[in-house]
Amino acid sequence: MTHFHQRLLKNHSGQGLTEYLILLVLVAVVCIGSVTTMGTTMKTKFQKVREQINGLSTDG
């Protein structure tokens, strides 16, 4: 191996930043998935409540 290749293999200066970036991306994916799932669930619950309110107001 040349001196350049040996020096390149020993250089770990960007490793910490890359690990933090990967962690940040994973957290973002989990957050987006959670918000999407909760949003869908909340939308369904609000629709059921709206239907019940509308059913009570038209029956009375």
PDB file of N, CA and C in Angstrom:
ATOM      1  N   MET A   1       0.841  -1.187   0.000  1.00  0.00           N
ATOM      2  CA  MET A   1       0.000   0.000   0.000  1.00  0.00           C
ATOM      3  C   MET A   1       0.882   1.246   0.000  1.00  0.00           C
ATOM      4  N   THR A   2       0.353   2.246  -0.606  1.00  0.00           N
ATOM      5  CA  THR A   2       1.098   3.494  -0.622  1.00  0.00           C
ATOM      6  C   THR A   2       0.883   4.237   0.681  1.00  0.00           C
ATOM      7  N   HIS A   3       1.688   5.242   0.886  1.00  0.00           N
ATOM      8  CA  HIS A   3       1.577   6.056   2.098  1.00  0.00           C
ATOM      9  C   HIS A   3       0.208   6.747   2.160  1.00  0.00           C
ATOM     10  N   PHE A   4      -0.313   7.167   1.006  1.00  0.00           N
ATOM     11  CA  PHE A   4      -1.617   7.828   0.959  1.00  0.00           C
ATOM     12  C   PHE A   4      -2.732   6.896   1.429  1.00  0.00           C
ATOM     13  N   HIS A   5      -2.710   5.654   0.963  1.00  0.00           N
ATOM     14  CA  HIS A   5      -3.741   4.693   1.349  1.00  0.00           C
ATOM     15  C   HIS A   5      -3.679   4.371   2.835  1.00  0.00           C
ATOM     16  N   GLN A   6      -2.477   4.245   3.379  1.00  0.00           N
ATOM     17  CA  GLN A   6      -2.342   3.969   4.808  1.00  0.00           C
ATOM     18  C   GLN A   6      -2.859   5.138   5.631  1.00  0.00           C
ATOM     19  N   ARG A   7      -2.543   6.338   5.201  1.00  0.00           N
ATOM     20  CA  ARG A   7      -3.017   7.526   5.913  1.00  0.00           C
ATOM     21  C   ARG A   7      -4.540   7.650   5.810  1.00  0.00           C
ATOM     22  N   LEU A   8      -5.105   7.314   4.663  1.00  0.00           N
ATOM     23  CA  LEU A   8      -6.552   7.394   4.463  1.00  0.00           C
ATOM     24  C   LEU A   8      -7.293   6.402   5.353  1.00  0.00           C
ATOM     25  N   LEU A   9      -6.740   5.200   5.508  1.00  0.00           N
ATOM     26  CA  LEU A   9      -7.373   4.191   6.353  1.00  0.00           C
ATOM     27  C   LEU A   9      -7.305   4.545   7.831  1.00  0.00           C
ATOM     28  N   LYS A  10      -6.318   5.307   8.239  1.00  0.00           N
ATOM     29  CA  LYS A  10      -6.179   5.691   9.645  1.00  0.00           C
ATOM     30  C   LYS A  10      -6.957   6.953   9.991  1.00  0.00           C
ATOM     31  N   ASN A  11      -7.431   7.676   8.993  1.00  0.00           N
ATOM     32  CA  ASN A  11      -8.124   8.938   9.220  1.00  0.00           C
ATOM     33  C   ASN A  11      -9.582   8.655   9.594  1.00  0.00           C
ATOM     34  N   HIS A  12      -9.978   8.982  10.818  1.00  0.00           N
ATOM     35  CA  HIS A  12     -11.344   8.755  11.303  1.00  0.00           C
ATOM     36  C   HIS A  12     -12.004  10.073  11.714  1.00  0.00           C
ATOM     37  N   SER A  13     -11.603  11.167  11.107  1.00  0.00           N
ATOM     38  CA  SER A  13     -12.079  12.478  11.558  1.00  0.00           C
ATOM     39  C   SER A  13     -13.571  12.686  11.320  1.00  0.00           C
ATOM     40  N   GLY A  14     -14.157  12.099  10.288  1.00  0.00           N
ATOM     41  CA  GLY A  14     -15.576  12.292  10.002  1.00  0.00           C
ATOM     42  C   GLY A  14     -16.469  11.196  10.552  1.00  0.00           C
ATOM     43  N   GLN A  15     -15.900  10.251  11.265  1.00  0.00           N
ATOM     44  CA  GLN A  15     -16.670   9.103  11.736  1.00  0.00           C
ATOM     45  C   GLN A  15     -17.738   9.518  12.749  1.00  0.00           C
ATOM     46  N   GLY A  16     -17.408  10.358  13.705  1.00  0.00           N
ATOM     47  CA  GLY A  16     -18.376  10.786  14.722  1.00  0.00           C
ATOM     48  C   GLY A  16     -19.547  11.524  14.113  1.00  0.00           C
ATOM     49  N   LEU A  17     -19.248  12.416  13.179  1.00  0.00           N
ATOM     50  CA  LEU A  17     -20.307  13.182  12.520  1.00  0.00           C
ATOM     51  C   LEU A  17     -21.224  12.262  11.718  1.00  0.00           C
ATOM     52  N   THR A  18     -20.656  11.279  11.057  1.00  0.00           N
ATOM     53  CA  THR A  18     -21.458  10.326  10.289  1.00  0.00           C
ATOM     54  C   THR A  18     -22.373   9.514  11.200  1.00  0.00           C
ATOM     55  N   GLU A  19     -21.859   9.099  12.350  1.00  0.00           N
ATOM     56  CA  GLU A  19     -22.685   8.328  13.291  1.00  0.00           C
ATOM     57  C   GLU A  19     -23.842   9.163  13.813  1.00  0.00           C
ATOM     58  N   TYR A  20     -23.578  10.435  14.130  1.00  0.00           N
ATOM     59  CA  TYR A  20     -24.657  11.312  14.589  1.00  0.00           C
ATOM     60  C   TYR A  20     -25.681  11.545  13.486  1.00  0.00           C
ATOM     61  N   LEU A  21     -25.227  11.653  12.260  1.00  0.00           N
ATOM     62  CA  LEU A  21     -26.141  11.852  11.144  1.00  0.00           C
ATOM     63  C   LEU A  21     -27.046  10.637  10.944  1.00  0.00           C
ATOM     64  N   ILE A  22     -26.469   9.451  11.036  1.00  0.00           N
ATOM     65  CA  ILE A  22     -27.265   8.223  10.914  1.00  0.00           C
ATOM     66  C   ILE A  22     -28.290   8.142  12.037  1.00  0.00           C
ATOM     67  N   LEU A  23     -27.883   8.464  13.249  1.00  0.00           N
ATOM     68  CA  LEU A  23     -28.797   8.451  14.396  1.00  0.00           C
ATOM     69  C   LEU A  23     -29.916   9.464  14.205  1.00  0.00           C
ATOM     70  N   LEU A  24     -29.577  10.646  13.718  1.00  0.00           N
ATOM     71  CA  LEU A  24     -30.580  11.682  13.477  1.00  0.00           C
ATOM     72  C   LEU A  24     -31.591  11.239  12.424  1.00  0.00           C
ATOM     73  N   VAL A  25     -31.130  10.600  11.373  1.00  0.00           N
ATOM     74  CA  VAL A  25     -32.032  10.116  10.329  1.00  0.00           C
ATOM     75  C   VAL A  25     -32.959   9.037  10.880  1.00  0.00           C
ATOM     76  N   LEU A  26     -32.426   8.126  11.687  1.00  0.00           N
ATOM     77  CA  LEU A  26     -33.268   7.076  12.270  1.00  0.00           C
ATOM     78  C   LEU A  26     -34.334   7.663  13.197  1.00  0.00           C
ATOM     79  N   VAL A  27     -33.962   8.635  14.011  1.00  0.00           N
ATOM     80  CA  VAL A  27     -34.931   9.285  14.902  1.00  0.00           C
ATOM     81  C   VAL A  27     -35.995  10.001  14.086  1.00  0.00           C
ATOM     82  N   ALA A  28     -35.591  10.666  13.010  1.00  0.00           N
ATOM     83  CA  ALA A  28     -36.557  11.369  12.166  1.00  0.00           C
ATOM     84  C   ALA A  28     -37.542  10.400  11.523  1.00  0.00           C
ATOM     85  N   VAL A  29     -37.059   9.256  11.065  1.00  0.00           N
ATOM     86  CA  VAL A  29     -37.942   8.260  10.445  1.00  0.00           C
ATOM     87  C   VAL A  29     -38.950   7.736  11.457  1.00  0.00           C
ATOM     88  N   VAL A  30     -38.491   7.463  12.683  1.00  0.00           N
ATOM     89  CA  VAL A  30     -39.402   6.979  13.727  1.00  0.00           C
ATOM     90  C   VAL A  30     -40.439   8.044  14.068  1.00  0.00           C
ATOM     91  N   CYS A  31     -40.018   9.300  14.169  1.00  0.00           N
ATOM     92  CA  CYS A  31     -40.957  10.384  14.481  1.00  0.00           C
ATOM     93  C   CYS A  31     -41.995  10.558  13.379  1.00  0.00           C
ATOM     94  N   ILE A  32     -41.559  10.527  12.142  1.00  0.00           N
ATOM     95  CA  ILE A  32     -42.500  10.681  11.028  1.00  0.00           C
ATOM     96  C   ILE A  32     -43.499   9.529  11.010  1.00  0.00           C
ATOM     97  N   GLY A  33     -43.014   8.315  11.234  1.00  0.00           N
ATOM     98  CA  GLY A  33     -43.912   7.164  11.282  1.00  0.00           C
ATOM     99  C   GLY A  33     -44.919   7.260  12.413  1.00  0.00           C
ATOM    100  N   SER A  34     -44.454   7.710  13.577  1.00  0.00           N
ATOM    101  CA  SER A  34     -45.351   7.840  14.731  1.00  0.00           C
ATOM    102  C   SER A  34     -46.412   8.905  14.490  1.00  0.00           C
ATOM    103  N   VAL A  35     -46.003  10.046  13.983  1.00  0.00           N
ATOM    104  CA  VAL A  35     -46.953  11.130  13.733  1.00  0.00           C
ATOM    105  C   VAL A  35     -47.965  10.724  12.668  1.00  0.00           C
ATOM    106  N   THR A  36     -47.513  10.024  11.645  1.00  0.00           N
ATOM    107  CA  THR A  36     -48.429   9.565  10.593  1.00  0.00           C
ATOM    108  C   THR A  36     -49.460   8.597  11.158  1.00  0.00           C
ATOM    109  N   THR A  37     -48.990   7.643  11.960  1.00  0.00           N
ATOM    110  CA  THR A  37     -49.902   6.661  12.545  1.00  0.00           C
ATOM    111  C   THR A  37     -50.874   7.328  13.510  1.00  0.00           C
ATOM    112  N   MET A  38     -50.366   8.191  14.372  1.00  0.00           N
ATOM    113  CA  MET A  38     -51.242   8.874  15.327  1.00  0.00           C
ATOM    114  C   MET A  38     -52.219   9.796  14.615  1.00  0.00           C
ATOM    115  N   GLY A  39     -51.761  10.439  13.541  1.00  0.00           N
ATOM    116  CA  GLY A  39     -52.646  11.325  12.788  1.00  0.00           C
ATOM    117  C   GLY A  39     -53.806  10.573  12.173  1.00  0.00           C
ATOM    118  N   THR A  40     -53.515   9.411  11.618  1.00  0.00           N
ATOM    119  CA  THR A  40     -54.578   8.591  11.025  1.00  0.00           C
ATOM    120  C   THR A  40     -55.561   8.121  12.096  1.00  0.00           C
ATOM    121  N   THR A  41     -55.028   7.694  13.234  1.00  0.00           N
ATOM    122  CA  THR A  41     -55.883   7.235  14.330  1.00  0.00           C
ATOM    123  C   THR A  41     -56.756   8.370  14.849  1.00  0.00           C
ATOM    124  N   MET A  42     -56.150   9.546  15.027  1.00  0.00           N
ATOM    125  CA  MET A  42     -56.923  10.679  15.533  1.00  0.00           C
ATOM    126  C   MET A  42     -57.986  11.119  14.526  1.00  0.00           C
ATOM    127  N   LYS A  43     -57.657  11.063  13.247  1.00  0.00           N
ATOM    128  CA  LYS A  43     -58.636  11.434  12.226  1.00  0.00           C
ATOM    129  C   LYS A  43     -59.846  10.514  12.290  1.00  0.00           C
ATOM    130  N   THR A  44     -59.600   9.215  12.455  1.00  0.00           N
ATOM    131  CA  THR A  44     -60.685   8.248  12.549  1.00  0.00           C
ATOM    132  C   THR A  44     -61.539   8.509  13.781  1.00  0.00           C
ATOM    133  N   LYS A  45     -60.910   8.782  14.900  1.00  0.00           N
ATOM    134  CA  LYS A  45     -61.659   9.036  16.136  1.00  0.00           C
ATOM    135  C   LYS A  45     -62.505  10.303  16.018  1.00  0.00           C
ATOM    136  N   PHE A  46     -61.950  11.374  15.444  1.00  0.00           N
ATOM    137  CA  PHE A  46     -62.711  12.607  15.272  1.00  0.00           C
ATOM    138  C   PHE A  46     -63.880  12.411  14.310  1.00  0.00           C
ATOM    139  N   GLN A  47     -63.695  11.595  13.281  1.00  0.00           N
ATOM    140  CA  GLN A  47     -64.801  11.320  12.363  1.00  0.00           C
ATOM    141  C   GLN A  47     -65.930  10.587  13.074  1.00  0.00           C
ATOM    142  N   LYS A  48     -65.583   9.635  13.948  1.00  0.00           N
ATOM    143  CA  LYS A  48     -66.618   8.903  14.701  1.00  0.00           C
ATOM    144  C   LYS A  48     -67.364   9.849  15.637  1.00  0.00           C
ATOM    145  N   VAL A  49     -66.637  10.734  16.295  1.00  0.00           N
ATOM    146  CA  VAL A  49     -67.287  11.697  17.194  1.00  0.00           C
ATOM    147  C   VAL A  49     -68.197  12.619  16.396  1.00  0.00           C
ATOM    148  N   ARG A  50     -67.728  13.096  15.241  1.00  0.00           N
ATOM    149  CA  ARG A  50     -68.538  13.979  14.408  1.00  0.00           C
ATOM    150  C   ARG A  50     -69.810  13.273  13.943  1.00  0.00           C
ATOM    151  N   GLU A  51     -69.676  12.000  13.561  1.00  0.00           N
ATOM    152  CA  GLU A  51     -70.849  11.240  13.131  1.00  0.00           C
ATOM    153  C   GLU A  51     -71.841  11.074  14.279  1.00  0.00           C
ATOM    154  N   GLN A  52     -71.334  10.831  15.482  1.00  0.00           N
ATOM    155  CA  GLN A  52     -72.232  10.687  16.630  1.00  0.00           C
ATOM    156  C   GLN A  52     -72.920  12.003  16.957  1.00  0.00           C
ATOM    157  N   ILE A  53     -72.183  13.103  16.888  1.00  0.00           N
ATOM    158  CA  ILE A  53     -72.784  14.418  17.156  1.00  0.00           C
ATOM    159  C   ILE A  53     -73.833  14.727  16.114  1.00  0.00           C
ATOM    160  N   ASN A  54     -73.523  14.497  14.858  1.00  0.00           N
ATOM    161  CA  ASN A  54     -74.494  14.753  13.795  1.00  0.00           C
ATOM    162  C   ASN A  54     -75.710  13.834  13.927  1.00  0.00           C
ATOM    163  N   GLY A  55     -75.503  12.608  14.334  1.00  0.00           N
ATOM    164  CA  GLY A  55     -76.616  11.692  14.527  1.00  0.00           C
ATOM    165  C   GLY A  55     -77.515  12.131  15.661  1.00  0.00           C
ATOM    166  N   LEU A  56     -76.946  12.658  16.746  1.00  0.00           N
ATOM    167  CA  LEU A  56     -77.739  13.137  17.878  1.00  0.00           C
ATOM    168  C   LEU A  56     -78.490  14.410  17.519  1.00  0.00           C
ATOM    169  N   SER A  57     -77.872  15.298  16.752  1.00  0.00           N
ATOM    170  CA  SER A  57     -78.539  16.565  16.449  1.00  0.00           C
ATOM    171  C   SER A  57     -79.664  16.378  15.430  1.00  0.00           C
ATOM    172  N   THR A  58     -79.562  15.408  14.531  1.00  0.00           N
ATOM    173  CA  THR A  58     -80.619  15.214  13.537  1.00  0.00           C
ATOM    174  C   THR A  58     -81.766  14.380  14.100  1.00  0.00           C
ATOM    175  N   ASP A  59     -81.481  13.530  15.117  1.00  0.00           N
ATOM    176  CA  ASP A  59     -82.530  12.705  15.699  1.00  0.00           C
ATOM    177  C   ASP A  59     -83.425  13.506  16.626  1.00  0.00           C
ATOM    178  N   GLY A  60     -82.867  14.520  17.265  1.00  0.00           N
ATOM    179  CA  GLY A  60     -83.626  15.239  18.284  1.00  0.00           C
ATOM    180  C   GLY A  60     -84.487  16.270  17.729  1.00  0.00           C
TER     181      GLY A  60
END
